[in-house]
C-alpha cells in the first residue's frame, strides 16, 4: 500500500515538472512573438548630476502611411542664365586668343625655317671627319663654277662670276703654255700622235695666280675648305697645271663586221707621284668612236683631215 502511494507521488512530481517546462516554453515563444516596443519596454535612464531634458515622445507612424506625392524638379533660377552665358563667352574669347597665338607661332616658325634655308644650308653641315673625305668637281664641262661648289661654299652671284672668270682665264693660260710645246707626229697612214710635254714651272705660276684670286674672293676659311674638297678635281680639270705629260693617239680603222670606218683614240697621262717622287702614275683611256669627242676640239688646228672629219656636222 505504501509502495502505491510512493509511485503516485513520483508520477505527480513528474507531471508537475512537465507542466512547468511546457509553461516556460509557451511563455518564451509568446514573448518572442510580441513587437519590440511591447516585448522590451524602455528603461529609465540613470539620473546624473546634470540631467538632460527629456524629449517629447514621437507618435508612432501609422501602419499604412500614404506615399508622398512626387514633386516636380525645381525650376532653374533665372539668375543663373546670365552667369552661364558669361562663362561661355569667356571660353570663346580664350579659344580665340589661343588660336591667334598659335597662328603667330606658326608664322615665326616659318620665318625661322626660311632663315635656316637661306643662311645655314651649305655651311659645312657634315662632321669635320666626313668633310675630309668629301671630294667634288669644282667646275662643269664649260669650266664654270659647279653647282656643288657653289652650294658647299655658299657662293653668291658676284662670287660665282668672279670664279667663272678666274677659271676661264686659267684654262686659257694653260692652253697657251701647252700648245707652245705641242708636237704632232704621223708614224703611219691614218695615224696621228699629239705629244704635250710637262711645263711644271710655268704651270705653278698659273696655279699661284688662280689661288690668289680664290683666296681674295672666298676668304681664308672658305679657301681652305675649297682646297680640302675641290683641289683634286681642280687638278684633273686643269691637267695638273703642267705637271703631267700627255700623249694622244688617233688612228682610223675599219670595223670588221660592218666595214664602216671608225676612229680609235688613246689618251695617256704620266704624272709624278705625290707620295713617292721616284714613282710615276700612268692613266690611259682607249675608245673606238664614230664621232670625235668634244674634248679634242681644242686641238683642231693640229689634227689631220682624216681625224677632223669625224667631228659632228662633218
C-alpha atoms as a PDB file:
ATOM      1  CA  UNK A   1       0.000   0.000   0.000  1.00  0.00           C
ATOM      2  CA  UNK A   2       2.850   2.327   0.832  1.00  0.00           C
ATOM      3  CA  UNK A   3       4.507   1.463  -2.483  1.00  0.00           C
ATOM      4  CA  UNK A   4       1.402   2.584  -4.403  1.00  0.00           C
ATOM      5  CA  UNK A   5       1.424   5.908  -2.628  1.00  0.00           C
ATOM      6  CA  UNK A   6       5.101   6.458  -3.364  1.00  0.00           C
ATOM      7  CA  UNK A   7       4.507   5.679  -7.024  1.00  0.00           C
ATOM      8  CA  UNK A   8       1.644   8.186  -7.254  1.00  0.00           C
ATOM      9  CA  UNK A   9       3.834  10.868  -5.699  1.00  0.00           C
ATOM     10  CA  UNK A  10       6.615  10.292  -8.219  1.00  0.00           C
ATOM     11  CA  UNK A  11       4.170  10.419 -11.140  1.00  0.00           C
ATOM     12  CA  UNK A  12       2.643  13.600  -9.778  1.00  0.00           C
ATOM     13  CA  UNK A  13       6.085  15.209  -9.428  1.00  0.00           C
ATOM     14  CA  UNK A  14       6.996  14.287 -12.942  1.00  0.00           C
ATOM     15  CA  UNK A  15       3.704  15.691 -14.284  1.00  0.00           C
ATOM     16  CA  UNK A  16       4.314  18.907 -12.352  1.00  0.00           C
ATOM     17  CA  UNK A  17       7.766  19.265 -13.833  1.00  0.00           C
ATOM     18  CA  UNK A  18       6.396  18.611 -17.332  1.00  0.00           C
ATOM     19  CA  UNK A  19       3.679  21.204 -16.904  1.00  0.00           C
ATOM     20  CA  UNK A  20       6.190  23.734 -15.618  1.00  0.00           C
ATOM     21  CA  UNK A  21       8.503  23.148 -18.575  1.00  0.00           C
ATOM     22  CA  UNK A  22       5.609  23.432 -21.030  1.00  0.00           C
ATOM     23  CA  UNK A  23       4.544  26.689 -19.437  1.00  0.00           C
ATOM     24  CA  UNK A  24       8.100  28.067 -19.653  1.00  0.00           C
ATOM     25  CA  UNK A  25       8.368  27.176 -23.342  1.00  0.00           C
ATOM     26  CA  UNK A  26       4.981  28.769 -24.087  1.00  0.00           C
ATOM     27  CA  UNK A  27       5.904  31.979 -22.296  1.00  0.00           C
ATOM     28  CA  UNK A  28       9.250  32.189 -24.136  1.00  0.00           C
ATOM     29  CA  UNK A  29       7.532  31.744 -27.514  1.00  0.00           C
ATOM     30  CA  UNK A  30       4.882  34.338 -26.642  1.00  0.00           C
ATOM     31  CA  UNK A  31       7.462  36.926 -25.616  1.00  0.00           C
ATOM     32  CA  UNK A  32       9.454  36.404 -28.853  1.00  0.00           C
ATOM     33  CA  UNK A  33       6.336  36.924 -30.958  1.00  0.00           C
ATOM     34  CA  UNK A  34       5.486  40.284 -29.386  1.00  0.00           C
ATOM     35  CA  UNK A  35       6.617  43.652 -31.043  1.00  0.00           C
ATOM     36  CA  UNK A  36       9.914  45.107 -29.880  1.00  0.00           C
ATOM     37  CA  UNK A  37       8.322  48.050 -28.161  1.00  0.00           C
ATOM     38  CA  UNK A  38       5.987  45.729 -26.187  1.00  0.00           C
ATOM     39  CA  UNK A  39       8.437  42.954 -25.502  1.00  0.00           C
ATOM     40  CA  UNK A  40      11.142  45.251 -24.141  1.00  0.00           C
ATOM     41  CA  UNK A  41       9.756  48.393 -22.574  1.00  0.00           C
ATOM     42  CA  UNK A  42      12.203  51.282 -22.344  1.00  0.00           C
ATOM     43  CA  UNK A  43      14.201  51.549 -19.206  1.00  0.00           C
ATOM     44  CA  UNK A  44      14.588  54.758 -17.321  1.00  0.00           C
ATOM     45  CA  UNK A  45      17.977  56.432 -17.767  1.00  0.00           C
ATOM     46  CA  UNK A  46      20.056  56.844 -14.707  1.00  0.00           C
ATOM     47  CA  UNK A  47      19.968  60.286 -13.172  1.00  0.00           C
ATOM     48  CA  UNK A  48      23.168  62.284 -13.362  1.00  0.00           C
ATOM     49  CA  UNK A  49      24.340  65.476 -11.785  1.00  0.00           C
ATOM     50  CA  UNK A  50      23.162  67.494 -14.834  1.00  0.00           C
ATOM     51  CA  UNK A  51      20.198  65.624 -16.271  1.00  0.00           C
ATOM     52  CA  UNK A  52      19.396  66.328 -19.921  1.00  0.00           C
ATOM     53  CA  UNK A  53      15.862  67.500 -20.718  1.00  0.00           C
ATOM     54  CA  UNK A  54      13.516  64.732 -21.728  1.00  0.00           C
ATOM     55  CA  UNK A  55      12.419  64.957 -25.402  1.00  0.00           C
ATOM     56  CA  UNK A  56       8.758  64.794 -26.203  1.00  0.00           C
ATOM     57  CA  UNK A  57       7.624  61.344 -27.283  1.00  0.00           C
ATOM     58  CA  UNK A  58       7.306  60.838 -31.015  1.00  0.00           C
ATOM     59  CA  UNK A  59       3.935  59.399 -32.006  1.00  0.00           C
ATOM     60  CA  UNK A  60       4.299  56.095 -33.863  1.00  0.00           C
ATOM     61  CA  UNK A  61       3.849  56.200 -37.614  1.00  0.00           C
ATOM     62  CA  UNK A  62       0.645  54.693 -38.919  1.00  0.00           C
ATOM     63  CA  UNK A  63       0.890  51.176 -40.263  1.00  0.00           C
ATOM     64  CA  UNK A  64      -0.087  52.203 -43.769  1.00  0.00           C
ATOM     65  CA  UNK A  65       1.179  55.796 -44.266  1.00  0.00           C
ATOM     66  CA  UNK A  66       0.402  57.199 -47.738  1.00  0.00           C
ATOM     67  CA  UNK A  67       3.438  57.654 -50.013  1.00  0.00           C
ATOM     68  CA  UNK A  68       4.393  61.306 -50.532  1.00  0.00           C
ATOM     69  CA  UNK A  69       3.424  62.687 -53.911  1.00  0.00           C
ATOM     70  CA  UNK A  70       6.318  63.149 -56.441  1.00  0.00           C
ATOM     71  CA  UNK A  71       7.394  66.763 -56.559  1.00  0.00           C
ATOM     72  CA  UNK A  72       8.324  68.415 -59.889  1.00  0.00           C
ATOM     73  CA  UNK A  73      12.036  69.328 -60.312  1.00  0.00           C
ATOM     74  CA  UNK A  74      12.793  72.806 -59.071  1.00  0.00           C
ATOM     75  CA  UNK A  75      12.823  75.392 -61.788  1.00  0.00           C
ATOM     76  CA  UNK A  76      16.244  76.748 -62.820  1.00  0.00           C
ATOM     77  CA  UNK A  77      16.762  80.107 -61.243  1.00  0.00           C
ATOM     78  CA  UNK A  78      16.589  82.854 -63.759  1.00  0.00           C
ATOM     79  CA  UNK A  79      19.663  84.475 -62.213  1.00  0.00           C
ATOM     80  CA  UNK A  80      21.937  81.532 -63.306  1.00  0.00           C
ATOM     81  CA  UNK A  81      21.413  82.087 -67.077  1.00  0.00           C
ATOM     82  CA  UNK A  82      23.483  85.252 -67.382  1.00  0.00           C
ATOM     83  CA  UNK A  83      26.338  83.602 -65.449  1.00  0.00           C
ATOM     84  CA  UNK A  84      26.409  80.587 -67.809  1.00  0.00           C
ATOM     85  CA  UNK A  85      26.399  82.882 -70.850  1.00  0.00           C
ATOM     86  CA  UNK A  86      29.261  84.850 -69.341  1.00  0.00           C
ATOM     87  CA  UNK A  87      31.279  81.647 -68.844  1.00  0.00           C
ATOM     88  CA  UNK A  88      30.681  80.544 -72.449  1.00  0.00           C
ATOM     89  CA  UNK A  89      31.695  83.969 -73.741  1.00  0.00           C
ATOM     90  CA  UNK A  90      34.873  83.866 -71.644  1.00  0.00           C
ATOM     91  CA  UNK A  91      35.776  80.425 -73.032  1.00  0.00           C
ATOM     92  CA  UNK A  92      35.167  81.616 -76.584  1.00  0.00           C
ATOM     93  CA  UNK A  93      37.450  84.604 -76.039  1.00  0.00           C
ATOM     94  CA  UNK A  94      40.161  82.369 -74.567  1.00  0.00           C
ATOM     95  CA  UNK A  95      39.924  79.955 -77.511  1.00  0.00           C
ATOM     96  CA  UNK A  96      40.232  82.888 -79.933  1.00  0.00           C
ATOM     97  CA  UNK A  97      43.332  84.192 -78.116  1.00  0.00           C
ATOM     98  CA  UNK A  98      44.917  80.724 -78.211  1.00  0.00           C
ATOM     99  CA  UNK A  99      44.231  80.407 -81.932  1.00  0.00           C
ATOM    100  CA  UNK A 100      45.778  83.801 -82.614  1.00  0.00           C
ATOM    101  CA  UNK A 101      48.823  82.891 -80.528  1.00  0.00           C
ATOM    102  CA  UNK A 102      49.143  79.604 -82.409  1.00  0.00           C
ATOM    103  CA  UNK A 103      48.983  81.404 -85.743  1.00  0.00           C
ATOM    104  CA  UNK A 104      51.653  83.856 -84.587  1.00  0.00           C
ATOM    105  CA  UNK A 105      53.932  80.994 -83.513  1.00  0.00           C
ATOM    106  CA  UNK A 106      53.443  79.230 -86.858  1.00  0.00           C
ATOM    107  CA  UNK A 107      54.406  82.421 -88.634  1.00  0.00           C
ATOM    108  CA  UNK A 108      57.566  82.714 -86.524  1.00  0.00           C
ATOM    109  CA  UNK A 109      58.400  79.076 -87.247  1.00  0.00           C
ATOM    110  CA  UNK A 110      58.056  79.655 -90.991  1.00  0.00           C
ATOM    111  CA  UNK A 111      60.336  82.681 -90.747  1.00  0.00           C
ATOM    112  CA  UNK A 112      62.918  80.658 -88.814  1.00  0.00           C
ATOM    113  CA  UNK A 113      62.851  77.801 -91.344  1.00  0.00           C
ATOM    114  CA  UNK A 114      63.277  80.239 -94.224  1.00  0.00           C
ATOM    115  CA  UNK A 115      66.211  81.843 -92.435  1.00  0.00           C
ATOM    116  CA  UNK A 116      67.812  78.437 -91.923  1.00  0.00           C
ATOM    117  CA  UNK A 117      67.418  77.593 -95.601  1.00  0.00           C
ATOM    118  CA  UNK A 118      68.973  80.895 -96.629  1.00  0.00           C
ATOM    119  CA  UNK A 119      71.807  81.070 -94.087  1.00  0.00           C
ATOM    120  CA  UNK A 120      72.646  77.579 -92.879  1.00  0.00           C
ATOM    121  CA  UNK A 121      72.249  75.373 -95.940  1.00  0.00           C
ATOM    122  CA  UNK A 122      75.651  74.751 -97.441  1.00  0.00           C
ATOM    123  CA  UNK A 123      77.676  75.879 -94.420  1.00  0.00           C
ATOM    124  CA  UNK A 124      79.554  72.629 -93.925  1.00  0.00           C
ATOM    125  CA  UNK A 125      76.760  70.555 -92.317  1.00  0.00           C
ATOM    126  CA  UNK A 126      78.868  67.388 -92.416  1.00  0.00           C
ATOM    127  CA  UNK A 127      81.111  66.484 -89.465  1.00  0.00           C
ATOM    128  CA  UNK A 128      84.716  67.516 -89.908  1.00  0.00           C
ATOM    129  CA  UNK A 129      85.960  63.941 -90.276  1.00  0.00           C
ATOM    130  CA  UNK A 130      83.441  63.392 -93.082  1.00  0.00           C
ATOM    131  CA  UNK A 131      84.341  66.663 -94.791  1.00  0.00           C
ATOM    132  CA  UNK A 132      87.936  65.406 -95.015  1.00  0.00           C
ATOM    133  CA  UNK A 133      86.685  62.544 -97.222  1.00  0.00           C
ATOM    134  CA  UNK A 134      84.431  64.681 -99.399  1.00  0.00           C
ATOM    135  CA  UNK A 135      85.580  65.282-102.995  1.00  0.00           C
ATOM    136  CA  UNK A 136      83.762  67.408-105.561  1.00  0.00           C
ATOM    137  CA  UNK A 137      84.451  68.671-109.068  1.00  0.00           C
ATOM    138  CA  UNK A 138      84.771  72.463-108.849  1.00  0.00           C
ATOM    139  CA  UNK A 139      83.896  73.226-112.477  1.00  0.00           C
ATOM    140  CA  UNK A 140      81.430  71.858-115.015  1.00  0.00           C
ATOM    141  CA  UNK A 141      82.043  70.926-118.645  1.00  0.00           C
ATOM    142  CA  UNK A 142      82.146  74.621-119.583  1.00  0.00           C
ATOM    143  CA  UNK A 143      84.837  75.294-116.949  1.00  0.00           C
ATOM    144  CA  UNK A 144      82.402  77.343-114.867  1.00  0.00           C
ATOM    145  CA  UNK A 145      81.594  77.005-111.160  1.00  0.00           C
ATOM    146  CA  UNK A 146      79.781  73.740-110.492  1.00  0.00           C
ATOM    147  CA  UNK A 147      76.542  73.631-108.530  1.00  0.00           C
ATOM    148  CA  UNK A 148      78.172  71.507-105.819  1.00  0.00           C
ATOM    149  CA  UNK A 149      80.942  74.031-105.213  1.00  0.00           C
ATOM    150  CA  UNK A 150      78.504  76.949-105.100  1.00  0.00           C
ATOM    151  CA  UNK A 151      76.353  75.140-102.550  1.00  0.00           C
ATOM    152  CA  UNK A 152      79.131  73.971-100.247  1.00  0.00           C
ATOM    153  CA  UNK A 153      80.892  77.350-100.158  1.00  0.00           C
ATOM    154  CA  UNK A 154      77.658  79.383-100.178  1.00  0.00           C
ATOM    155  CA  UNK A 155      78.732  81.475-103.141  1.00  0.00           C
ATOM    156  CA  UNK A 156      76.667  84.492-104.089  1.00  0.00           C
ATOM    157  CA  UNK A 157      76.193  85.645-107.681  1.00  0.00           C
ATOM    158  CA  UNK A 158      79.112  88.086-107.605  1.00  0.00           C
ATOM    159  CA  UNK A 159      81.472  85.424-106.249  1.00  0.00           C
ATOM    160  CA  UNK A 160      80.309  82.914-108.859  1.00  0.00           C
ATOM    161  CA  UNK A 161      81.018  85.416-111.641  1.00  0.00           C
ATOM    162  CA  UNK A 162      84.477  86.167-110.237  1.00  0.00           C
ATOM    163  CA  UNK A 163      85.365  82.485-110.026  1.00  0.00           C
ATOM    164  CA  UNK A 164      83.995  81.824-113.522  1.00  0.00           C
ATOM    165  CA  UNK A 165      86.295  84.461-114.962  1.00  0.00           C
ATOM    166  CA  UNK A 166      89.249  83.143-112.969  1.00  0.00           C
ATOM    167  CA  UNK A 167      88.718  79.551-114.131  1.00  0.00           C
ATOM    168  CA  UNK A 168      88.282  80.508-117.789  1.00  0.00           C
ATOM    169  CA  UNK A 169      91.356  82.765-117.673  1.00  0.00           C
ATOM    170  CA  UNK A 170      93.417  79.996-116.057  1.00  0.00           C
ATOM    171  CA  UNK A 171      92.426  77.464-118.697  1.00  0.00           C
ATOM    172  CA  UNK A 172      93.352  79.925-121.451  1.00  0.00           C
ATOM    173  CA  UNK A 173      96.825  80.462-119.993  1.00  0.00           C
ATOM    174  CA  UNK A 174      97.417  76.724-119.560  1.00  0.00           C
ATOM    175  CA  UNK A 175      96.233  76.041-123.091  1.00  0.00           C
ATOM    176  CA  UNK A 176      98.698  78.585-124.459  1.00  0.00           C
ATOM    177  CA  UNK A 177     101.569  77.037-122.491  1.00  0.00           C
ATOM    178  CA  UNK A 178     100.500  73.554-123.548  1.00  0.00           C
ATOM    179  CA  UNK A 179     100.273  74.299-127.246  1.00  0.00           C
ATOM    180  CA  UNK A 180     103.602  76.140-127.301  1.00  0.00           C
ATOM    181  CA  UNK A 181     105.363  72.812-126.774  1.00  0.00           C
ATOM    182  CA  UNK A 182     102.854  70.567-128.550  1.00  0.00           C
ATOM    183  CA  UNK A 183     104.262  68.354-131.297  1.00  0.00           C
ATOM    184  CA  UNK A 184     102.445  66.247-133.919  1.00  0.00           C
ATOM    185  CA  UNK A 185     103.679  63.015-135.449  1.00  0.00           C
ATOM    186  CA  UNK A 186     102.194  60.771-138.141  1.00  0.00           C
ATOM    187  CA  UNK A 187     104.026  57.456-137.849  1.00  0.00           C
ATOM    188  CA  UNK A 188     101.819  55.742-140.468  1.00  0.00           C
ATOM    189  CA  UNK A 189      98.940  56.402-142.824  1.00  0.00           C
ATOM    190  CA  UNK A 190      95.790  57.147-140.884  1.00  0.00           C
ATOM    191  CA  UNK A 191      97.699  57.714-137.635  1.00  0.00           C
ATOM    192  CA  UNK A 192      98.378  60.924-135.698  1.00  0.00           C
ATOM    193  CA  UNK A 193     100.111  61.349-132.351  1.00  0.00           C
ATOM    194  CA  UNK A 194      99.946  64.563-130.302  1.00  0.00           C
ATOM    195  CA  UNK A 195     102.574  64.902-127.589  1.00  0.00           C
ATOM    196  CA  UNK A 196     102.414  67.597-124.891  1.00  0.00           C
ATOM    197  CA  UNK A 197     105.479  67.652-122.574  1.00  0.00           C
ATOM    198  CA  UNK A 198     105.155  68.922-118.992  1.00  0.00           C
ATOM    199  CA  UNK A 199     105.768  72.553-118.009  1.00  0.00           C
ATOM    200  CA  UNK A 200     105.733  72.464-114.191  1.00  0.00           C
ATOM    201  CA  UNK A 201     107.435  75.814-113.534  1.00  0.00           C
ATOM    202  CA  UNK A 202     105.103  77.856-115.709  1.00  0.00           C
ATOM    203  CA  UNK A 203     102.121  75.861-114.502  1.00  0.00           C
ATOM    204  CA  UNK A 204     102.999  76.558-110.877  1.00  0.00           C
ATOM    205  CA  UNK A 205     102.916  80.293-111.558  1.00  0.00           C
ATOM    206  CA  UNK A 206      99.466  79.943-113.111  1.00  0.00           C
ATOM    207  CA  UNK A 207      98.269  77.965-110.084  1.00  0.00           C
ATOM    208  CA  UNK A 208      99.534  80.636-107.680  1.00  0.00           C
ATOM    209  CA  UNK A 209      97.755  83.342-109.649  1.00  0.00           C
ATOM    210  CA  UNK A 210      94.481  81.406-109.536  1.00  0.00           C
ATOM    211  CA  UNK A 211      94.821  80.627-105.821  1.00  0.00           C
ATOM    212  CA  UNK A 212      95.427  84.295-105.080  1.00  0.00           C
ATOM    213  CA  UNK A 213      92.133  85.198-106.769  1.00  0.00           C
ATOM    214  CA  UNK A 214      90.310  82.411-104.933  1.00  0.00           C
ATOM    215  CA  UNK A 215      91.666  83.440-101.538  1.00  0.00           C
ATOM    216  CA  UNK A 216      90.749  87.088-102.044  1.00  0.00           C
ATOM    217  CA  UNK A 217      87.232  86.142-103.135  1.00  0.00           C
ATOM    218  CA  UNK A 218      86.475  83.391-100.635  1.00  0.00           C
ATOM    219  CA  UNK A 219      88.452  84.465 -97.607  1.00  0.00           C
ATOM    220  CA  UNK A 220      90.826  82.235 -95.600  1.00  0.00           C
ATOM    221  CA  UNK A 221      88.195  79.842 -94.168  1.00  0.00           C
ATOM    222  CA  UNK A 222      86.353  79.062 -97.397  1.00  0.00           C
ATOM    223  CA  UNK A 223      89.564  78.955 -99.408  1.00  0.00           C
ATOM    224  CA  UNK A 224      90.905  76.330 -97.015  1.00  0.00           C
ATOM    225  CA  UNK A 225      87.681  74.377 -97.443  1.00  0.00           C
ATOM    226  CA  UNK A 226      87.982  74.697-101.216  1.00  0.00           C
ATOM    227  CA  UNK A 227      91.445  73.168-101.194  1.00  0.00           C
ATOM    228  CA  UNK A 228      90.228  70.371 -98.937  1.00  0.00           C
ATOM    229  CA  UNK A 229      87.277  69.236-101.034  1.00  0.00           C
ATOM    230  CA  UNK A 230      87.952  70.504-104.576  1.00  0.00           C
ATOM    231  CA  UNK A 231      91.715  70.679-105.182  1.00  0.00           C
ATOM    232  CA  UNK A 232      91.966  67.148-106.612  1.00  0.00           C
ATOM    233  CA  UNK A 233      89.128  67.842-109.020  1.00  0.00           C
ATOM    234  CA  UNK A 234      90.710  71.148-109.978  1.00  0.00           C
ATOM    235  CA  UNK A 235      93.991  69.425-110.873  1.00  0.00           C
ATOM    236  CA  UNK A 236      92.205  66.911-113.093  1.00  0.00           C
ATOM    237  CA  UNK A 237      90.266  69.594-114.937  1.00  0.00           C
ATOM    238  CA  UNK A 238      93.362  71.772-115.470  1.00  0.00           C
ATOM    239  CA  UNK A 239      95.774  68.999-116.417  1.00  0.00           C
ATOM    240  CA  UNK A 240      97.654  69.208-113.103  1.00  0.00           C
ATOM    241  CA  UNK A 241      98.922  72.692-114.015  1.00  0.00           C
ATOM    242  CA  UNK A 242     101.636  71.472-116.339  1.00  0.00           C
ATOM    243  CA  UNK A 243     102.931  68.587-114.205  1.00  0.00           C
ATOM    244  CA  UNK A 244     101.565  65.874-116.490  1.00  0.00           C
ATOM    245  CA  UNK A 245     102.997  64.572-119.750  1.00  0.00           C
ATOM    246  CA  UNK A 246     100.188  63.802-122.168  1.00  0.00           C
ATOM    247  CA  UNK A 247     100.134  61.768-125.371  1.00  0.00           C
ATOM    248  CA  UNK A 248      97.035  61.462-127.608  1.00  0.00           C
ATOM    249  CA  UNK A 249      96.959  58.914-130.445  1.00  0.00           C
ATOM    250  CA  UNK A 250      94.380  58.882-133.253  1.00  0.00           C
ATOM    251  CA  UNK A 251      94.016  56.061-135.747  1.00  0.00           C
ATOM    252  CA  UNK A 252      91.413  55.480-138.415  1.00  0.00           C
ATOM    253  CA  UNK A 253      90.292  51.843-138.563  1.00  0.00           C
ATOM    254  CA  UNK A 254      87.625  49.832-140.355  1.00  0.00           C
ATOM    255  CA  UNK A 255      85.023  47.858-138.471  1.00  0.00           C
ATOM    256  CA  UNK A 256      85.381  44.152-139.327  1.00  0.00           C
ATOM    257  CA  UNK A 257      81.647  43.419-139.238  1.00  0.00           C
ATOM    258  CA  UNK A 258      80.045  46.495-140.794  1.00  0.00           C
ATOM    259  CA  UNK A 259      83.007  47.633-142.902  1.00  0.00           C
ATOM    260  CA  UNK A 260      82.420  51.269-141.839  1.00  0.00           C
ATOM    261  CA  UNK A 261      85.392  53.435-140.796  1.00  0.00           C
ATOM    262  CA  UNK A 262      85.842  54.326-137.128  1.00  0.00           C
ATOM    263  CA  UNK A 263      88.287  56.345-135.064  1.00  0.00           C
ATOM    264  CA  UNK A 264      90.439  54.777-132.368  1.00  0.00           C
ATOM    265  CA  UNK A 265      91.541  57.257-129.646  1.00  0.00           C
ATOM    266  CA  UNK A 266      94.140  56.508-126.982  1.00  0.00           C
ATOM    267  CA  UNK A 267      94.793  59.180-124.329  1.00  0.00           C
ATOM    268  CA  UNK A 268      97.692  58.654-121.899  1.00  0.00           C
ATOM    269  CA  UNK A 269      98.825  60.838-118.984  1.00  0.00           C
ATOM    270  CA  UNK A 270     102.050  60.374-116.992  1.00  0.00           C
ATOM    271  CA  UNK A 271     102.113  62.182-113.660  1.00  0.00           C
ATOM    272  CA  UNK A 272     104.849  62.162-110.983  1.00  0.00           C
ATOM    273  CA  UNK A 273     103.503  60.587-107.806  1.00  0.00           C
ATOM    274  CA  UNK A 274     102.931  62.980-104.912  1.00  0.00           C
ATOM    275  CA  UNK A 275     103.533  60.200-102.408  1.00  0.00           C
ATOM    276  CA  UNK A 276     106.771  58.943-103.966  1.00  0.00           C
ATOM    277  CA  UNK A 277     108.867  61.271-106.182  1.00  0.00           C
ATOM    278  CA  UNK A 278     110.606  58.226-107.662  1.00  0.00           C
ATOM    279  CA  UNK A 279     107.337  56.817-108.988  1.00  0.00           C
ATOM    280  CA  UNK A 280     105.107  57.849-111.880  1.00  0.00           C
ATOM    281  CA  UNK A 281     101.349  57.365-112.098  1.00  0.00           C
ATOM    282  CA  UNK A 282     100.111  56.474-115.582  1.00  0.00           C
ATOM    283  CA  UNK A 283      96.459  56.692-116.594  1.00  0.00           C
ATOM    284  CA  UNK A 284      95.269  55.587-120.038  1.00  0.00           C
ATOM    285  CA  UNK A 285      91.898  55.606-121.763  1.00  0.00           C
ATOM    286  CA  UNK A 286      91.092  53.904-125.091  1.00  0.00           C
ATOM    287  CA  UNK A 287      87.950  54.445-127.137  1.00  0.00           C
ATOM    288  CA  UNK A 288      86.586  53.333-130.503  1.00  0.00           C
ATOM    289  CA  UNK A 289      84.191  56.057-131.698  1.00  0.00           C
ATOM    290  CA  UNK A 290      82.285  57.116-134.764  1.00  0.00           C
ATOM    291  CA  UNK A 291      82.298  60.764-133.658  1.00  0.00           C
ATOM    292  CA  UNK A 292      85.242  62.816-132.387  1.00  0.00           C
ATOM    293  CA  UNK A 293      84.828  63.562-128.636  1.00  0.00           C
ATOM    294  CA  UNK A 294      84.300  67.243-127.893  1.00  0.00           C
ATOM    295  CA  UNK A 295      87.284  67.459-125.530  1.00  0.00           C
ATOM    296  CA  UNK A 296      89.664  67.178-128.510  1.00  0.00           C
ATOM    297  CA  UNK A 297      88.180  70.107-130.420  1.00  0.00           C
ATOM    298  CA  UNK A 298      90.711  72.351-128.646  1.00  0.00           C
ATOM    299  CA  UNK A 299      93.464  70.715-130.766  1.00  0.00           C
ATOM    300  CA  UNK A 300      91.616  71.159-134.038  1.00  0.00           C
ATOM    301  CA  UNK A 301      94.449  73.068-135.701  1.00  0.00           C
ATOM    302  CA  UNK A 302      96.866  70.183-135.111  1.00  0.00           C
ATOM    303  CA  UNK A 303      94.600  67.357-136.228  1.00  0.00           C
ATOM    304  CA  UNK A 304      94.779  65.937-139.792  1.00  0.00           C
ATOM    305  CA  UNK A 305      91.712  65.799-142.011  1.00  0.00           C
ATOM    306  CA  UNK A 306      91.073  62.072-141.515  1.00  0.00           C
ATOM    307  CA  UNK A 307      90.556  62.855-137.814  1.00  0.00           C
ATOM    308  CA  UNK A 308      88.552  66.089-138.014  1.00  0.00           C
ATOM    309  CA  UNK A 309      86.068  64.568-140.472  1.00  0.00           C
ATOM    310  CA  UNK A 310      84.721  62.550-137.533  1.00  0.00           C
ATOM    311  CA  UNK A 311      83.646  65.756-135.840  1.00  0.00           C
ATOM    312  CA  UNK A 312      79.947  66.410-135.501  1.00  0.00           C
ATOM    313  CA  UNK A 313      78.490  68.144-138.524  1.00  0.00           C
ATOM    314  CA  UNK A 314      81.076  66.816-140.972  1.00  0.00           C
END
